[in-house]
Amino acid sequence: MISSRRSAGGEERFTMDVDESLLLVSIPRPGVALVTLNRPDQLNALTWPLIDELLRVLAALHERRDLRVVVLTGAGRAFCAGSDVAGARERSSIDIPTRYEAQQRTSGLAIAIRELRHPVIAAVNGPAVGAGLGLALAADIRVAGTSASFRDGAIRMGLSGCESGISWHLPRLIGTSNALELMLTNRLVPAEEAERRGMVSAVYADDQLLDRAIELAGRIAEFSPFGLTTTKEVFWANQSDGFREAVDRENRSQILAVNTTDSREAMTAFLEHRKPEFHGR
């Protein structure tokens, strides 16, 4: 159970046992929770401890009936650079059933955000790549700083570009042709283009982003919890009933991809800053 207290400055803070080397959690105004990925030196890349901690915190926030909105952002100069590549290369050698369970843990973050009782605003403050893009797209609303950028990323690692709900969300936002172009080319989308294409609602100066996101969350938090919860639930149910099924298909294809020789070569080449040599196996 999460409890909270007020700091000397008046900001309400969570008193649950959160590993602050991974996450920062606070209540910047009544009804609004701020969750910050806190691995800035690694561009907030996802590791198993960070994934598990974020899943645990999201589950706890789900039970907080006094909350109305959650803002998700990253510390430092990135929102989330996706899965930790070095760790992913090491995990590629484990057996497929174990790897599939691991893949489900990663993609489970997108499902947890989607199924969270409270609306989620992603304040994208820098690169959102791979699974980090999946986190941003799973949010109900996205706002970006001028330094924000979006990239699928997985295709560069010899993997499927379909992960963490990206193949479900992206075509619904920008259309199938545009989505596949981004997923197949690994092209970076800067903040201005993301706003033009409808991937984000607004772009703000980097030093104003978090304040604007919290201000937006505060406006939403003025409404009844039942109204907000049912609006989110019914809205997404009416888009499609197939989100979980889509993520399951992504997981299966990614497990097949990560166990290929080409995938291991792509990850090694990425870490060694060279062009990969693919052999189709």
C-alpha atoms as a PDB file:
ATOM      1  CA  MET A   1       0.000   0.000   0.000  1.00  0.00           C
ATOM      2  CA  ILE A   2       1.265   3.474  -0.865  1.00  0.00           C
ATOM      3  CA  SER A   3       0.923   6.213   1.707  1.00  0.00           C
ATOM      4  CA  SER A   4       2.023   9.826   1.383  1.00  0.00           C
ATOM      5  CA  ARG A   5       3.169  12.820   3.399  1.00  0.00           C
ATOM      6  CA  ARG A   6       3.851  16.481   2.710  1.00  0.00           C
ATOM      7  CA  SER A   7       7.391  17.780   2.393  1.00  0.00           C
ATOM      8  CA  ALA A   8       8.565  21.011   4.010  1.00  0.00           C
ATOM      9  CA  GLY A   9       7.862  22.749   0.712  1.00  0.00           C
ATOM     10  CA  GLY A  10       4.267  21.555   0.705  1.00  0.00           C
ATOM     11  CA  GLU A  11       4.618  18.893  -2.000  1.00  0.00           C
ATOM     12  CA  GLU A  12       2.987  15.615  -1.126  1.00  0.00           C
ATOM     13  CA  ARG A  13       5.377  12.681  -1.428  1.00  0.00           C
ATOM     14  CA  PHE A  14       4.888   8.931  -1.459  1.00  0.00           C
ATOM     15  CA  THR A  15       6.273   7.068   1.514  1.00  0.00           C
ATOM     16  CA  MET A  16       6.158   3.613  -0.062  1.00  0.00           C
ATOM     17  CA  ASP A  17       9.501   1.867  -0.357  1.00  0.00           C
ATOM     18  CA  VAL A  18      10.532   2.893  -3.880  1.00  0.00           C
ATOM     19  CA  ASP A  19      14.022   2.170  -5.204  1.00  0.00           C
ATOM     20  CA  GLU A  20      14.987   5.737  -6.099  1.00  0.00           C
ATOM     21  CA  SER A  21      17.921   4.514  -8.163  1.00  0.00           C
ATOM     22  CA  LEU A  22      15.247   3.276 -10.561  1.00  0.00           C
ATOM     23  CA  LEU A  23      12.128   5.405 -10.050  1.00  0.00           C
ATOM     24  CA  LEU A  24      11.057   8.644  -8.430  1.00  0.00           C
ATOM     25  CA  VAL A  25       7.420   8.933  -7.361  1.00  0.00           C
ATOM     26  CA  SER A  26       5.695  12.025  -5.982  1.00  0.00           C
ATOM     27  CA  ILE A  27       2.383  13.889  -5.892  1.00  0.00           C
ATOM     28  CA  PRO A  28       3.063  17.373  -7.322  1.00  0.00           C
ATOM     29  CA  ARG A  29      -0.565  18.426  -6.810  1.00  0.00           C
ATOM     30  CA  PRO A  30      -3.699  16.809  -5.385  1.00  0.00           C
ATOM     31  CA  GLY A  31      -4.899  13.870  -7.415  1.00  0.00           C
ATOM     32  CA  VAL A  32      -1.790  13.772  -9.644  1.00  0.00           C
ATOM     33  CA  ALA A  33       1.035  11.236  -9.349  1.00  0.00           C
ATOM     34  CA  LEU A  34       4.362  11.877 -11.077  1.00  0.00           C
ATOM     35  CA  VAL A  35       6.426   8.787 -11.946  1.00  0.00           C
ATOM     36  CA  THR A  36       9.956   9.420 -13.245  1.00  0.00           C
ATOM     37  CA  LEU A  37      12.218   6.758 -14.715  1.00  0.00           C
ATOM     38  CA  ASN A  38      15.488   7.404 -12.906  1.00  0.00           C
ATOM     39  CA  ARG A  39      18.433   5.935 -14.811  1.00  0.00           C
ATOM     40  CA  PRO A  40      19.532   9.158 -16.536  1.00  0.00           C
ATOM     41  CA  ASP A  41      23.121   8.036 -17.162  1.00  0.00           C
ATOM     42  CA  GLN A  42      21.724   5.082 -19.165  1.00  0.00           C
ATOM     43  CA  LEU A  43      19.001   7.179 -20.858  1.00  0.00           C
ATOM     44  CA  ASN A  44      16.472   5.343 -18.687  1.00  0.00           C
ATOM     45  CA  ALA A  45      16.995   2.098 -20.598  1.00  0.00           C
ATOM     46  CA  LEU A  46      14.869  -0.723 -19.255  1.00  0.00           C
ATOM     47  CA  THR A  47      16.475  -3.401 -17.111  1.00  0.00           C
ATOM     48  CA  TRP A  48      14.673  -6.196 -15.282  1.00  0.00           C
ATOM     49  CA  PRO A  49      14.878  -4.378 -11.922  1.00  0.00           C
ATOM     50  CA  LEU A  50      13.440  -1.198 -13.482  1.00  0.00           C
ATOM     51  CA  ILE A  51      10.699  -3.115 -15.285  1.00  0.00           C
ATOM     52  CA  ASP A  52       9.695  -4.967 -12.121  1.00  0.00           C
ATOM     53  CA  GLU A  53       9.783  -1.803 -10.019  1.00  0.00           C
ATOM     54  CA  LEU A  54       7.640   0.107 -12.505  1.00  0.00           C
ATOM     55  CA  LEU A  55       5.129  -2.746 -12.695  1.00  0.00           C
ATOM     56  CA  ARG A  56       4.968  -2.805  -8.887  1.00  0.00           C
ATOM     57  CA  VAL A  57       4.459   0.964  -8.637  1.00  0.00           C
ATOM     58  CA  LEU A  58       1.787   1.004 -11.355  1.00  0.00           C
ATOM     59  CA  ALA A  59      -0.094  -1.780  -9.550  1.00  0.00           C
ATOM     60  CA  ALA A  60       0.052   0.238  -6.320  1.00  0.00           C
ATOM     61  CA  LEU A  61      -1.105   3.421  -8.064  1.00  0.00           C
ATOM     62  CA  HIS A  62      -4.031   1.496  -9.514  1.00  0.00           C
ATOM     63  CA  GLU A  63      -5.302   0.972  -5.961  1.00  0.00           C
ATOM     64  CA  ARG A  64      -5.007   4.643  -4.983  1.00  0.00           C
ATOM     65  CA  ARG A  65      -8.613   5.889  -5.123  1.00  0.00           C
ATOM     66  CA  ASP A  66      -7.519   9.421  -4.180  1.00  0.00           C
ATOM     67  CA  LEU A  67      -5.534   9.739  -7.407  1.00  0.00           C
ATOM     68  CA  ARG A  68      -7.019  10.901 -10.716  1.00  0.00           C
ATOM     69  CA  VAL A  69      -4.107  11.112 -13.196  1.00  0.00           C
ATOM     70  CA  VAL A  70      -0.572   9.739 -13.570  1.00  0.00           C
ATOM     71  CA  VAL A  71       2.225  11.621 -15.375  1.00  0.00           C
ATOM     72  CA  LEU A  72       5.083   9.459 -16.668  1.00  0.00           C
ATOM     73  CA  THR A  73       8.436  10.976 -17.667  1.00  0.00           C
ATOM     74  CA  GLY A  74      12.185  10.296 -17.642  1.00  0.00           C
ATOM     75  CA  ALA A  75      15.032  11.844 -15.677  1.00  0.00           C
ATOM     76  CA  GLY A  76      17.774  13.631 -17.555  1.00  0.00           C
ATOM     77  CA  ARG A  77      17.832  13.979 -21.318  1.00  0.00           C
ATOM     78  CA  ALA A  78      15.780  10.925 -22.344  1.00  0.00           C
ATOM     79  CA  PHE A  79      12.307   9.562 -21.822  1.00  0.00           C
ATOM     80  CA  CYS A  80      13.354   5.928 -22.312  1.00  0.00           C
ATOM     81  CA  ALA A  81      15.938   4.475 -24.683  1.00  0.00           C
ATOM     82  CA  GLY A  82      14.209   1.087 -24.763  1.00  0.00           C
ATOM     83  CA  SER A  83      15.589  -2.185 -23.476  1.00  0.00           C
ATOM     84  CA  ASP A  84      19.176  -2.267 -22.254  1.00  0.00           C
ATOM     85  CA  VAL A  85      21.012  -3.613 -25.319  1.00  0.00           C
ATOM     86  CA  ALA A  86      23.905  -5.236 -23.464  1.00  0.00           C
ATOM     87  CA  GLY A  87      21.505  -7.085 -21.199  1.00  0.00           C
ATOM     88  CA  ALA A  88      19.313  -8.084 -24.133  1.00  0.00           C
ATOM     89  CA  ARG A  89      22.306  -9.605 -25.938  1.00  0.00           C
ATOM     90  CA  GLU A  90      23.115 -11.713 -22.868  1.00  0.00           C
ATOM     91  CA  ARG A  91      19.488 -12.820 -22.527  1.00  0.00           C
ATOM     92  CA  SER A  92      19.303 -13.935 -26.166  1.00  0.00           C
ATOM     93  CA  SER A  93      21.116 -17.168 -25.281  1.00  0.00           C
ATOM     94  CA  ILE A  94      18.549 -18.398 -22.735  1.00  0.00           C
ATOM     95  CA  ASP A  95      15.915 -20.966 -23.677  1.00  0.00           C
ATOM     96  CA  ILE A  96      12.815 -19.851 -25.570  1.00  0.00           C
ATOM     97  CA  PRO A  97      10.195 -20.506 -22.814  1.00  0.00           C
ATOM     98  CA  THR A  98      12.203 -18.421 -20.337  1.00  0.00           C
ATOM     99  CA  ARG A  99      12.826 -15.727 -22.937  1.00  0.00           C
ATOM    100  CA  TYR A 100       9.116 -15.602 -23.724  1.00  0.00           C
ATOM    101  CA  GLU A 101       8.281 -15.012 -20.069  1.00  0.00           C
ATOM    102  CA  ALA A 102      10.866 -12.220 -20.032  1.00  0.00           C
ATOM    103  CA  GLN A 103       9.366 -10.684 -23.166  1.00  0.00           C
ATOM    104  CA  GLN A 104       5.949 -10.722 -21.513  1.00  0.00           C
ATOM    105  CA  ARG A 105       7.382  -8.839 -18.527  1.00  0.00           C
ATOM    106  CA  THR A 106       8.677  -6.073 -20.791  1.00  0.00           C
ATOM    107  CA  SER A 107       5.543  -5.743 -22.897  1.00  0.00           C
ATOM    108  CA  GLY A 108       3.504  -6.006 -19.694  1.00  0.00           C
ATOM    109  CA  LEU A 109       4.463  -2.391 -18.988  1.00  0.00           C
ATOM    110  CA  ALA A 110       2.379  -1.201 -21.948  1.00  0.00           C
ATOM    111  CA  ILE A 111      -0.529  -3.352 -20.815  1.00  0.00           C
ATOM    112  CA  ALA A 112      -0.204  -2.067 -17.241  1.00  0.00           C
ATOM    113  CA  ILE A 113      -0.331   1.541 -18.459  1.00  0.00           C
ATOM    114  CA  ARG A 114      -3.317   0.814 -20.681  1.00  0.00           C
ATOM    115  CA  GLU A 115      -5.190  -1.024 -17.923  1.00  0.00           C
ATOM    116  CA  LEU A 116      -4.312   1.445 -15.158  1.00  0.00           C
ATOM    117  CA  ARG A 117      -7.484   2.899 -13.668  1.00  0.00           C
ATOM    118  CA  HIS A 118      -6.177   6.453 -13.996  1.00  0.00           C
ATOM    119  CA  PRO A 119      -5.494   8.299 -17.264  1.00  0.00           C
ATOM    120  CA  VAL A 120      -1.762   8.448 -18.021  1.00  0.00           C
ATOM    121  CA  ILE A 121       0.038  11.430 -19.566  1.00  0.00           C
ATOM    122  CA  ALA A 122       3.471  10.715 -21.052  1.00  0.00           C
ATOM    123  CA  ALA A 123       5.707  13.793 -20.810  1.00  0.00           C
ATOM    124  CA  VAL A 124       8.285  12.802 -23.426  1.00  0.00           C
ATOM    125  CA  ASN A 125      11.431  14.760 -22.590  1.00  0.00           C
ATOM    126  CA  GLY A 126      13.894  13.214 -25.053  1.00  0.00           C
ATOM    127  CA  PRO A 127      14.328  10.016 -27.067  1.00  0.00           C
ATOM    128  CA  ALA A 128      11.580   7.382 -26.799  1.00  0.00           C
ATOM    129  CA  VAL A 129      12.970   4.289 -28.505  1.00  0.00           C
ATOM    130  CA  GLY A 130      11.794   0.689 -28.862  1.00  0.00           C
ATOM    131  CA  ALA A 131      10.055  -0.406 -25.690  1.00  0.00           C
ATOM    132  CA  GLY A 132      10.319   3.251 -24.588  1.00  0.00           C
ATOM    133  CA  LEU A 133       8.263   4.207 -27.631  1.00  0.00           C
ATOM    134  CA  GLY A 134       5.822   1.501 -26.581  1.00  0.00           C
ATOM    135  CA  LEU A 135       5.528   3.108 -23.138  1.00  0.00           C
ATOM    136  CA  ALA A 136       4.831   6.519 -24.640  1.00  0.00           C
ATOM    137  CA  LEU A 137       2.260   5.195 -27.108  1.00  0.00           C
ATOM    138  CA  ALA A 138       0.465   3.233 -24.385  1.00  0.00           C
ATOM    139  CA  ALA A 139      -0.188   6.460 -22.471  1.00  0.00           C
ATOM    140  CA  ASP A 140      -3.592   8.035 -22.971  1.00  0.00           C
ATOM    141  CA  ILE A 141      -2.109  11.450 -23.799  1.00  0.00           C
ATOM    142  CA  ARG A 142       1.378  12.380 -24.973  1.00  0.00           C
ATOM    143  CA  VAL A 143       3.032  15.792 -24.755  1.00  0.00           C
ATOM    144  CA  ALA A 144       6.619  16.369 -25.824  1.00  0.00           C
ATOM    145  CA  GLY A 145       9.538  18.667 -25.227  1.00  0.00           C
ATOM    146  CA  THR A 146      11.311  20.188 -28.203  1.00  0.00           C
ATOM    147  CA  SER A 147      14.162  17.696 -27.747  1.00  0.00           C
ATOM    148  CA  ALA A 148      11.820  14.696 -27.839  1.00  0.00           C
ATOM    149  CA  SER A 149      12.167  12.129 -30.589  1.00  0.00           C
ATOM    150  CA  PHE A 150      10.554   8.821 -31.435  1.00  0.00           C
ATOM    151  CA  ARG A 151      12.074   5.715 -33.033  1.00  0.00           C
ATOM    152  CA  ASP A 152      10.984   2.087 -33.268  1.00  0.00           C
ATOM    153  CA  GLY A 153      14.566   0.852 -32.953  1.00  0.00           C
ATOM    154  CA  ALA A 154      14.020  -2.912 -32.860  1.00  0.00           C
ATOM    155  CA  ILE A 155      14.679  -3.513 -36.554  1.00  0.00           C
ATOM    156  CA  ARG A 156      18.256  -2.268 -36.054  1.00  0.00           C
ATOM    157  CA  MET A 157      18.802  -5.042 -33.513  1.00  0.00           C
ATOM    158  CA  GLY A 158      17.721  -7.707 -36.004  1.00  0.00           C
ATOM    159  CA  LEU A 159      14.375  -7.957 -34.231  1.00  0.00           C
ATOM    160  CA  SER A 160      10.757  -7.447 -35.154  1.00  0.00           C
ATOM    161  CA  GLY A 161       9.663  -3.814 -35.106  1.00  0.00           C
ATOM    162  CA  CYS A 162       6.451  -5.007 -33.471  1.00  0.00           C
ATOM    163  CA  GLU A 163       6.787  -4.886 -29.690  1.00  0.00           C
ATOM    164  CA  SER A 164       5.186  -3.363 -26.605  1.00  0.00           C
ATOM    165  CA  GLY A 165       1.974  -2.579 -28.456  1.00  0.00           C
ATOM    166  CA  ILE A 166       3.654  -0.413 -31.117  1.00  0.00           C
ATOM    167  CA  SER A 167       2.044  -2.295 -34.009  1.00  0.00           C
ATOM    168  CA  TRP A 168      -1.379  -1.702 -32.430  1.00  0.00           C
ATOM    169  CA  HIS A 169      -0.998   1.945 -31.455  1.00  0.00           C
ATOM    170  CA  LEU A 170       1.089   3.496 -34.210  1.00  0.00           C
ATOM    171  CA  PRO A 171      -1.169   2.786 -37.230  1.00  0.00           C
ATOM    172  CA  ARG A 172      -4.155   4.055 -35.256  1.00  0.00           C
ATOM    173  CA  LEU A 173      -2.330   7.333 -34.705  1.00  0.00           C
ATOM    174  CA  ILE A 174      -0.698   7.968 -38.073  1.00  0.00           C
ATOM    175  CA  GLY A 175      -2.077   5.368 -40.524  1.00  0.00           C
ATOM    176  CA  THR A 176      -0.754   2.035 -41.738  1.00  0.00           C
ATOM    177  CA  SER A 177       1.611   3.244 -44.480  1.00  0.00           C
ATOM    178  CA  ASN A 178       3.181   5.909 -42.288  1.00  0.00           C
ATOM    179  CA  ALA A 179       3.508   3.469 -39.390  1.00  0.00           C
ATOM    180  CA  LEU A 180       5.192   0.784 -41.471  1.00  0.00           C
ATOM    181  CA  GLU A 181       7.557   3.322 -43.013  1.00  0.00           C
ATOM    182  CA  LEU A 182       8.768   4.306 -39.551  1.00  0.00           C
ATOM    183  CA  MET A 183       8.935   0.727 -38.284  1.00  0.00           C
ATOM    184  CA  LEU A 184      10.802  -0.652 -41.327  1.00  0.00           C
ATOM    185  CA  THR A 185      13.303   2.185 -41.791  1.00  0.00           C
ATOM    186  CA  ASN A 186      14.195   2.884 -38.143  1.00  0.00           C
ATOM    187  CA  ARG A 187      13.775   6.568 -38.979  1.00  0.00           C
ATOM    188  CA  LEU A 188      13.813   9.057 -36.124  1.00  0.00           C
ATOM    189  CA  VAL A 189      10.730  11.261 -35.764  1.00  0.00           C
ATOM    190  CA  PRO A 190      11.490  14.655 -34.147  1.00  0.00           C
ATOM    191  CA  ALA A 191       8.990  16.356 -31.870  1.00  0.00           C
ATOM    192  CA  GLU A 192       7.675  18.785 -34.493  1.00  0.00           C
ATOM    193  CA  GLU A 193       6.866  15.984 -36.926  1.00  0.00           C
ATOM    194  CA  ALA A 194       5.336  13.902 -34.136  1.00  0.00           C
ATOM    195  CA  GLU A 195       2.948  16.755 -33.350  1.00  0.00           C
ATOM    196  CA  ARG A 196       2.102  17.270 -37.016  1.00  0.00           C
ATOM    197  CA  ARG A 197       1.313  13.577 -37.458  1.00  0.00           C
ATOM    198  CA  GLY A 198      -0.768  13.335 -34.290  1.00  0.00           C
ATOM    199  CA  MET A 199       1.639  11.213 -32.237  1.00  0.00           C
ATOM    200  CA  VAL A 200       1.665  13.899 -29.536  1.00  0.00           C
ATOM    201  CA  SER A 201      -0.929  16.478 -28.515  1.00  0.00           C
ATOM    202  CA  ALA A 202       1.481  19.386 -28.046  1.00  0.00           C
ATOM    203  CA  VAL A 203       5.161  20.339 -28.016  1.00  0.00           C
ATOM    204  CA  TYR A 204       6.597  22.640 -25.343  1.00  0.00           C
ATOM    205  CA  ALA A 205      10.000  24.074 -24.566  1.00  0.00           C
ATOM    206  CA  ASP A 206      11.999  21.477 -22.652  1.00  0.00           C
ATOM    207  CA  ASP A 207      12.124  23.582 -19.496  1.00  0.00           C
ATOM    208  CA  GLN A 208       8.325  23.980 -19.561  1.00  0.00           C
ATOM    209  CA  LEU A 209       7.339  20.411 -20.456  1.00  0.00           C
ATOM    210  CA  LEU A 210       6.888  18.930 -17.010  1.00  0.00           C
ATOM    211  CA  ASP A 211       5.032  21.961 -15.640  1.00  0.00           C
ATOM    212  CA  ARG A 212       2.673  21.889 -18.628  1.00  0.00           C
ATOM    213  CA  ALA A 213       2.090  18.150 -18.268  1.00  0.00           C
ATOM    214  CA  ILE A 214       1.314  18.513 -14.563  1.00  0.00           C
ATOM    215  CA  GLU A 215      -0.936  21.484 -15.312  1.00  0.00           C
ATOM    216  CA  LEU A 216      -2.839  19.364 -17.855  1.00  0.00           C
ATOM    217  CA  ALA A 217      -3.074  16.522 -15.348  1.00  0.00           C
ATOM    218  CA  GLY A 218      -4.405  18.962 -12.751  1.00  0.00           C
ATOM    219  CA  ARG A 219      -7.197  20.085 -15.063  1.00  0.00           C
ATOM    220  CA  ILE A 220      -8.181  16.476 -15.688  1.00  0.00           C
ATOM    221  CA  ALA A 221      -7.964  15.662 -11.966  1.00  0.00           C
ATOM    222  CA  GLU A 222     -10.740  18.171 -11.227  1.00  0.00           C
ATOM    223  CA  PHE A 223     -13.318  15.724 -12.561  1.00  0.00           C
ATOM    224  CA  SER A 224     -14.888  12.749 -10.802  1.00  0.00           C
ATOM    225  CA  PRO A 225     -12.865   9.543 -10.511  1.00  0.00           C
ATOM    226  CA  PHE A 226     -15.768   7.515 -11.879  1.00  0.00           C
ATOM    227  CA  GLY A 227     -16.135   9.783 -14.883  1.00  0.00           C
ATOM    228  CA  LEU A 228     -12.408   9.628 -15.654  1.00  0.00           C
ATOM    229  CA  THR A 229     -12.111   5.874 -15.150  1.00  0.00           C
ATOM    230  CA  THR A 230     -15.123   5.012 -17.271  1.00  0.00           C
ATOM    231  CA  THR A 231     -14.128   7.457 -19.993  1.00  0.00           C
ATOM    232  CA  LYS A 232     -10.730   5.771 -20.313  1.00  0.00           C
ATOM    233  CA  GLU A 233     -12.143   2.261 -20.076  1.00  0.00           C
ATOM    234  CA  VAL A 234     -14.979   2.726 -22.566  1.00  0.00           C
ATOM    235  CA  PHE A 235     -12.875   4.777 -24.981  1.00  0.00           C
ATOM    236  CA  TRP A 236     -10.247   2.065 -25.382  1.00  0.00           C
ATOM    237  CA  ALA A 237     -12.777  -0.763 -25.420  1.00  0.00           C
ATOM    238  CA  ASN A 238     -14.539   0.969 -28.301  1.00  0.00           C
ATOM    239  CA  GLN A 239     -11.316   1.259 -30.319  1.00  0.00           C
ATOM    240  CA  SER A 240     -10.794  -2.476 -30.343  1.00  0.00           C
ATOM    241  CA  ASP A 241     -10.997  -5.474 -28.054  1.00  0.00           C
ATOM    242  CA  GLY A 242      -7.743  -6.869 -29.468  1.00  0.00           C
ATOM    243  CA  PHE A 243      -4.923  -5.025 -27.670  1.00  0.00           C
ATOM    244  CA  ARG A 244      -3.834  -7.951 -25.484  1.00  0.00           C
ATOM    245  CA  GLU A 245      -4.059 -10.304 -28.456  1.00  0.00           C
ATOM    246  CA  ALA A 246      -1.922  -7.911 -30.523  1.00  0.00           C
ATOM    247  CA  VAL A 247       0.752  -7.801 -27.806  1.00  0.00           C
ATOM    248  CA  ASP A 248       0.725 -11.618 -27.604  1.00  0.00           C
ATOM    249  CA  ARG A 249       1.430 -11.837 -31.348  1.00  0.00           C
ATOM    250  CA  GLU A 250       4.230  -9.293 -30.974  1.00  0.00           C
ATOM    251  CA  ASN A 251       5.754 -11.331 -28.153  1.00  0.00           C
ATOM    252  CA  ARG A 252       5.776 -14.550 -30.179  1.00  0.00           C
ATOM    253  CA  SER A 253       7.448 -12.967 -33.212  1.00  0.00           C
ATOM    254  CA  GLN A 254      10.009 -11.180 -31.048  1.00  0.00           C
ATOM    255  CA  ILE A 255      11.022 -14.409 -29.323  1.00  0.00           C
ATOM    256  CA  LEU A 256      11.653 -16.035 -32.696  1.00  0.00           C
ATOM    257  CA  ALA A 257      13.655 -12.993 -33.830  1.00  0.00           C
ATOM    258  CA  VAL A 258      15.814 -12.665 -30.731  1.00  0.00           C
ATOM    259  CA  ASN A 259      17.014 -16.255 -31.086  1.00  0.00           C
ATOM    260  CA  THR A 260      18.421 -15.737 -34.595  1.00  0.00           C
ATOM    261  CA  THR A 261      22.124 -15.412 -35.343  1.00  0.00           C
ATOM    262  CA  ASP A 262      21.428 -12.161 -37.178  1.00  0.00           C
ATOM    263  CA  SER A 263      19.872 -10.632 -34.068  1.00  0.00           C
ATOM    264  CA  ARG A 264      22.909 -11.439 -31.941  1.00  0.00           C
ATOM    265  CA  GLU A 265      25.147 -10.011 -34.690  1.00  0.00           C
ATOM    266  CA  ALA A 266      23.045  -6.821 -34.836  1.00  0.00           C
ATOM    267  CA  MET A 267      23.300  -6.284 -31.072  1.00  0.00           C
ATOM    268  CA  THR A 268      27.037  -6.973 -31.069  1.00  0.00           C
ATOM    269  CA  ALA A 269      27.590  -4.589 -33.980  1.00  0.00           C
ATOM    270  CA  PHE A 270      25.544  -1.899 -32.212  1.00  0.00           C
ATOM    271  CA  LEU A 271      27.686  -2.163 -29.084  1.00  0.00           C
ATOM    272  CA  GLU A 272      30.883  -2.228 -31.160  1.00  0.00           C
ATOM    273  CA  HIS A 273      29.763   0.761 -33.276  1.00  0.00           C
ATOM    274  CA  ARG A 274      30.097  -1.029 -36.601  1.00  0.00           C
ATOM    275  CA  LYS A 275      27.828  -2.099 -39.446  1.00  0.00           C
ATOM    276  CA  PRO A 276      26.357  -5.604 -38.926  1.00  0.00           C
ATOM    277  CA  GLU A 277      26.888  -8.476 -41.336  1.00  0.00           C
ATOM    278  CA  PHE A 278      23.687 -10.455 -41.829  1.00  0.00           C
ATOM    279  CA  HIS A 279      23.474 -14.029 -43.114  1.00  0.00           C
ATOM    280  CA  GLY A 280      19.729 -14.690 -42.985  1.00  0.00           C
ATOM    281  CA  ARG A 281      19.750 -17.124 -40.103  1.00  0.00           C
END
